N, C-alpha and C. Protein backbone atom coordinates (compact mmCIF):
# COMPACT_ATOMS: atom_id res chain seq x y z
N MET A 1 36.64 43.47 -69.53
CA MET A 1 37.83 43.88 -68.80
C MET A 1 38.87 44.36 -69.80
N HIS A 2 39.51 45.46 -69.49
CA HIS A 2 40.52 46.03 -70.38
C HIS A 2 41.88 45.43 -70.07
N SER A 3 42.66 45.21 -71.12
CA SER A 3 44.03 44.74 -70.93
C SER A 3 44.92 45.93 -70.62
N SER A 4 46.16 45.66 -70.21
CA SER A 4 47.09 46.76 -69.93
C SER A 4 47.41 47.52 -71.21
N TYR A 5 47.38 46.81 -72.36
CA TYR A 5 47.61 47.47 -73.65
C TYR A 5 46.49 48.47 -73.92
N ASP A 6 45.24 48.07 -73.71
CA ASP A 6 44.10 48.97 -73.90
C ASP A 6 44.20 50.18 -72.98
N ASN A 7 44.62 49.97 -71.74
CA ASN A 7 44.75 51.08 -70.79
C ASN A 7 45.83 52.06 -71.23
N ARG A 8 46.94 51.55 -71.74
CA ARG A 8 48.01 52.44 -72.22
C ARG A 8 47.53 53.26 -73.41
N ILE A 9 46.80 52.62 -74.32
CA ILE A 9 46.26 53.34 -75.48
C ILE A 9 45.27 54.41 -75.02
N LEU A 10 44.41 54.07 -74.07
CA LEU A 10 43.43 55.02 -73.55
C LEU A 10 44.12 56.20 -72.86
N LEU A 11 45.15 55.93 -72.06
CA LEU A 11 45.90 57.01 -71.40
C LEU A 11 46.58 57.90 -72.41
N ARG A 12 47.15 57.30 -73.45
CA ARG A 12 47.82 58.09 -74.49
C ARG A 12 46.80 58.96 -75.21
N LYS A 13 45.62 58.42 -75.48
CA LYS A 13 44.56 59.17 -76.15
C LYS A 13 44.12 60.36 -75.29
N VAL A 14 43.94 60.13 -74.00
CA VAL A 14 43.56 61.21 -73.08
C VAL A 14 44.65 62.29 -73.06
N ALA A 15 45.91 61.89 -73.00
CA ALA A 15 47.02 62.85 -72.99
C ALA A 15 47.04 63.67 -74.27
N TYR A 16 46.89 63.02 -75.42
CA TYR A 16 46.88 63.74 -76.71
C TYR A 16 45.73 64.73 -76.78
N LEU A 17 44.54 64.31 -76.35
CA LEU A 17 43.39 65.20 -76.41
C LEU A 17 43.56 66.40 -75.48
N LEU A 18 44.08 66.17 -74.28
CA LEU A 18 44.31 67.29 -73.36
C LEU A 18 45.37 68.25 -73.91
N ASP A 19 46.43 67.71 -74.52
CA ASP A 19 47.44 68.57 -75.13
C ASP A 19 46.85 69.37 -76.29
N PHE A 20 46.00 68.73 -77.09
CA PHE A 20 45.38 69.41 -78.22
C PHE A 20 44.45 70.52 -77.75
N MET A 21 43.66 70.25 -76.72
CA MET A 21 42.65 71.21 -76.27
C MET A 21 43.24 72.34 -75.43
N TYR A 22 44.25 72.02 -74.62
CA TYR A 22 44.78 73.01 -73.67
C TYR A 22 46.23 73.37 -73.92
N GLY A 23 46.90 72.66 -74.81
CA GLY A 23 48.31 72.91 -75.09
C GLY A 23 49.20 72.06 -74.22
N PRO A 24 50.35 71.66 -74.79
CA PRO A 24 51.30 70.87 -74.01
C PRO A 24 51.84 71.71 -72.86
N PRO A 25 52.19 71.14 -71.77
CA PRO A 25 52.26 69.75 -71.35
C PRO A 25 51.11 69.32 -70.45
N VAL A 26 49.90 69.81 -70.71
CA VAL A 26 48.75 69.47 -69.86
C VAL A 26 48.50 67.97 -69.85
N GLY A 27 48.50 67.34 -71.01
CA GLY A 27 48.23 65.91 -71.10
C GLY A 27 49.22 65.07 -70.32
N SER A 28 50.51 65.33 -70.52
CA SER A 28 51.53 64.54 -69.82
C SER A 28 51.51 64.81 -68.32
N THR A 29 51.14 66.02 -67.92
CA THR A 29 51.06 66.35 -66.49
C THR A 29 49.93 65.57 -65.83
N ILE A 30 48.78 65.51 -66.47
CA ILE A 30 47.64 64.78 -65.91
C ILE A 30 47.90 63.28 -65.92
N VAL A 31 48.42 62.76 -67.03
CA VAL A 31 48.62 61.31 -67.18
C VAL A 31 49.76 60.80 -66.31
N ALA A 32 50.60 61.69 -65.80
CA ALA A 32 51.71 61.27 -64.92
C ALA A 32 51.19 60.74 -63.58
N HIS A 33 49.96 61.03 -63.25
CA HIS A 33 49.35 60.55 -62.01
C HIS A 33 48.59 59.25 -62.27
N PRO A 34 48.43 58.41 -61.25
CA PRO A 34 47.62 57.20 -61.45
C PRO A 34 46.16 57.59 -61.70
N LEU A 35 45.62 57.14 -62.82
CA LEU A 35 44.29 57.57 -63.23
C LEU A 35 43.31 56.41 -63.29
N ARG A 36 42.04 56.78 -63.11
CA ARG A 36 40.94 55.87 -63.38
C ARG A 36 40.04 56.60 -64.36
N ILE A 37 39.75 55.95 -65.48
CA ILE A 37 38.94 56.57 -66.53
C ILE A 37 37.60 55.85 -66.59
N SER A 38 36.54 56.62 -66.42
CA SER A 38 35.18 56.09 -66.49
C SER A 38 34.74 56.12 -67.95
N LEU A 39 34.30 54.96 -68.47
CA LEU A 39 33.88 54.85 -69.87
C LEU A 39 32.37 54.69 -69.97
N SER A 40 31.82 55.19 -71.05
CA SER A 40 30.40 54.98 -71.35
C SER A 40 30.18 53.51 -71.65
N SER A 41 29.12 52.95 -71.10
CA SER A 41 28.85 51.53 -71.34
C SER A 41 28.42 51.26 -72.78
N LYS A 42 27.78 52.24 -73.41
CA LYS A 42 27.32 52.05 -74.79
C LYS A 42 28.41 52.35 -75.82
N THR A 43 29.04 53.52 -75.71
CA THR A 43 29.99 53.96 -76.74
C THR A 43 31.44 53.61 -76.42
N LYS A 44 31.72 53.29 -75.16
CA LYS A 44 33.09 53.01 -74.68
C LYS A 44 33.99 54.23 -74.77
N ARG A 45 33.41 55.41 -74.86
CA ARG A 45 34.19 56.65 -74.86
C ARG A 45 34.36 57.12 -73.42
N PRO A 46 35.44 57.88 -73.15
CA PRO A 46 35.65 58.39 -71.79
C PRO A 46 34.52 59.33 -71.37
N LYS A 47 34.08 59.19 -70.11
CA LYS A 47 33.08 60.08 -69.53
C LYS A 47 33.72 61.00 -68.49
N ALA A 48 34.71 60.47 -67.77
CA ALA A 48 35.36 61.24 -66.71
C ALA A 48 36.71 60.63 -66.42
N VAL A 49 37.60 61.45 -65.85
CA VAL A 49 38.94 60.99 -65.47
C VAL A 49 39.14 61.35 -64.00
N TYR A 50 39.60 60.37 -63.23
CA TYR A 50 39.80 60.54 -61.79
C TYR A 50 41.24 60.18 -61.42
N SER A 51 41.75 60.84 -60.42
CA SER A 51 42.99 60.45 -59.75
C SER A 51 42.73 60.65 -58.27
N GLY A 52 41.92 59.78 -57.71
CA GLY A 52 41.43 60.00 -56.35
C GLY A 52 40.31 61.01 -56.40
N ASP A 53 40.60 62.21 -56.89
CA ASP A 53 39.61 63.27 -57.05
C ASP A 53 39.20 63.37 -58.52
N PHE A 54 38.14 64.12 -58.75
CA PHE A 54 37.61 64.34 -60.09
C PHE A 54 38.54 65.29 -60.84
N LEU A 55 39.16 64.85 -61.94
CA LEU A 55 40.10 65.67 -62.70
C LEU A 55 39.49 66.29 -63.95
N VAL A 56 38.84 65.44 -64.75
CA VAL A 56 38.37 65.87 -66.07
C VAL A 56 36.97 65.33 -66.30
N ALA A 57 36.08 66.21 -66.73
CA ALA A 57 34.75 65.80 -67.18
C ALA A 57 34.74 65.87 -68.70
N VAL A 58 33.99 64.99 -69.32
CA VAL A 58 33.88 65.00 -70.78
C VAL A 58 32.47 65.46 -71.12
N ARG A 59 32.39 66.56 -71.88
CA ARG A 59 31.10 67.10 -72.27
C ARG A 59 30.44 66.15 -73.28
N ARG A 60 29.22 65.72 -73.00
CA ARG A 60 28.54 64.74 -73.86
C ARG A 60 28.28 65.25 -75.26
N LYS A 61 27.95 66.52 -75.37
CA LYS A 61 27.56 67.10 -76.66
C LYS A 61 28.67 66.97 -77.71
N ASP A 62 29.91 67.28 -77.33
CA ASP A 62 30.98 67.31 -78.32
C ASP A 62 32.25 66.58 -77.90
N GLY A 63 32.26 65.98 -76.72
CA GLY A 63 33.44 65.23 -76.28
C GLY A 63 34.57 66.09 -75.77
N TYR A 64 34.33 67.38 -75.55
CA TYR A 64 35.38 68.27 -75.07
C TYR A 64 35.75 67.93 -73.63
N PHE A 65 37.04 67.92 -73.34
CA PHE A 65 37.53 67.61 -71.99
C PHE A 65 37.53 68.90 -71.17
N LEU A 66 36.80 68.89 -70.06
CA LEU A 66 36.71 70.05 -69.17
C LEU A 66 37.49 69.76 -67.91
N LEU A 67 38.53 70.54 -67.66
CA LEU A 67 39.33 70.37 -66.45
C LEU A 67 38.52 70.82 -65.24
N GLU A 68 38.45 69.98 -64.25
CA GLU A 68 37.77 70.31 -63.00
C GLU A 68 38.78 70.91 -62.03
N ARG A 69 38.32 71.31 -60.87
CA ARG A 69 39.17 72.03 -59.91
C ARG A 69 40.46 71.29 -59.58
N HIS A 70 40.39 70.00 -59.30
CA HIS A 70 41.59 69.24 -58.95
C HIS A 70 42.53 69.13 -60.15
N GLY A 71 41.98 68.98 -61.35
CA GLY A 71 42.79 68.95 -62.56
C GLY A 71 43.49 70.28 -62.80
N LEU A 72 42.79 71.37 -62.55
CA LEU A 72 43.40 72.69 -62.68
C LEU A 72 44.51 72.90 -61.65
N ASN A 73 44.31 72.39 -60.44
CA ASN A 73 45.36 72.49 -59.42
C ASN A 73 46.61 71.73 -59.84
N LEU A 74 46.44 70.58 -60.50
CA LEU A 74 47.60 69.80 -60.94
C LEU A 74 48.43 70.54 -61.97
N ILE A 75 47.77 71.28 -62.85
CA ILE A 75 48.53 71.97 -63.91
C ILE A 75 48.88 73.41 -63.55
N SER A 76 48.50 73.87 -62.37
CA SER A 76 48.75 75.27 -62.01
C SER A 76 50.23 75.61 -61.89
N THR A 77 51.07 74.63 -61.64
CA THR A 77 52.51 74.90 -61.51
C THR A 77 53.26 74.74 -62.82
N VAL A 78 52.56 74.31 -63.87
CA VAL A 78 53.20 74.05 -65.17
C VAL A 78 53.15 75.32 -66.02
N LYS A 79 54.23 75.60 -66.73
CA LYS A 79 54.28 76.74 -67.64
C LYS A 79 53.47 76.41 -68.89
N LEU A 80 52.39 77.15 -69.11
CA LEU A 80 51.52 76.90 -70.26
C LEU A 80 51.69 78.00 -71.30
N SER A 81 51.65 77.61 -72.56
CA SER A 81 51.77 78.59 -73.63
C SER A 81 50.45 79.32 -73.88
N LYS A 82 49.34 78.66 -73.61
CA LYS A 82 48.02 79.25 -73.83
C LYS A 82 47.29 79.33 -72.50
N ALA A 83 47.47 80.42 -71.79
CA ALA A 83 46.82 80.53 -70.49
C ALA A 83 46.38 81.98 -70.25
N VAL A 84 45.24 82.11 -69.64
CA VAL A 84 44.74 83.42 -69.23
C VAL A 84 44.83 83.46 -67.71
N VAL A 85 45.50 84.48 -67.20
CA VAL A 85 45.63 84.64 -65.75
C VAL A 85 44.79 85.85 -65.36
N VAL A 86 43.84 85.63 -64.49
CA VAL A 86 42.95 86.69 -64.05
C VAL A 86 43.57 87.40 -62.85
N ASP A 87 43.74 88.72 -62.97
CA ASP A 87 44.33 89.47 -61.85
C ASP A 87 43.27 89.77 -60.80
N ASP A 88 43.72 90.32 -59.69
CA ASP A 88 42.82 90.56 -58.55
C ASP A 88 41.73 91.58 -58.86
N VAL A 89 42.00 92.51 -59.79
CA VAL A 89 41.00 93.51 -60.14
C VAL A 89 39.80 92.87 -60.84
N ALA A 90 40.05 91.91 -61.72
CA ALA A 90 38.98 91.27 -62.49
C ALA A 90 38.33 90.10 -61.76
N LYS A 91 38.95 89.65 -60.69
CA LYS A 91 38.46 88.45 -59.99
C LYS A 91 36.99 88.54 -59.56
N PRO A 92 36.52 89.65 -58.97
CA PRO A 92 35.11 89.72 -58.57
C PRO A 92 34.14 89.57 -59.75
N PHE A 93 34.51 90.12 -60.91
CA PHE A 93 33.64 90.02 -62.09
C PHE A 93 33.58 88.59 -62.60
N VAL A 94 34.71 87.91 -62.59
CA VAL A 94 34.76 86.52 -63.04
C VAL A 94 33.96 85.64 -62.08
N MET A 95 34.05 85.92 -60.79
CA MET A 95 33.31 85.14 -59.80
C MET A 95 31.80 85.29 -59.98
N GLU A 96 31.37 86.41 -60.58
CA GLU A 96 29.95 86.63 -60.88
C GLU A 96 29.53 85.93 -62.17
N GLY A 97 30.50 85.34 -62.87
CA GLY A 97 30.19 84.63 -64.11
C GLY A 97 30.40 85.45 -65.36
N LYS A 98 31.00 86.63 -65.22
CA LYS A 98 31.24 87.48 -66.39
C LYS A 98 32.51 87.03 -67.11
N ASP A 99 32.60 87.40 -68.38
CA ASP A 99 33.75 87.03 -69.21
C ASP A 99 34.96 87.90 -68.93
N VAL A 100 36.12 87.31 -69.21
CA VAL A 100 37.39 88.04 -69.06
C VAL A 100 37.66 88.78 -70.34
């Protein structure tokens, strides 16, 4: 069982990693919601982050945090310094899996 201190450290770690990977204020925006973090039973590393819905998946190969649909919706209203916005002309190509 994790103590409240361990949970605060884990939340801070998740926020720092999200800020590092996606730029501030992604981490603080996600962590502002009540979260449940699923940990690996062997390594005790985060596997997924939930806030009712699935927010973040952690890629096993390298530990990269992948924002899922609900996580992207949470940060869609935040001004990001590193963001690519796909316009309506390119949308069909992206939906086919092509690069922007």
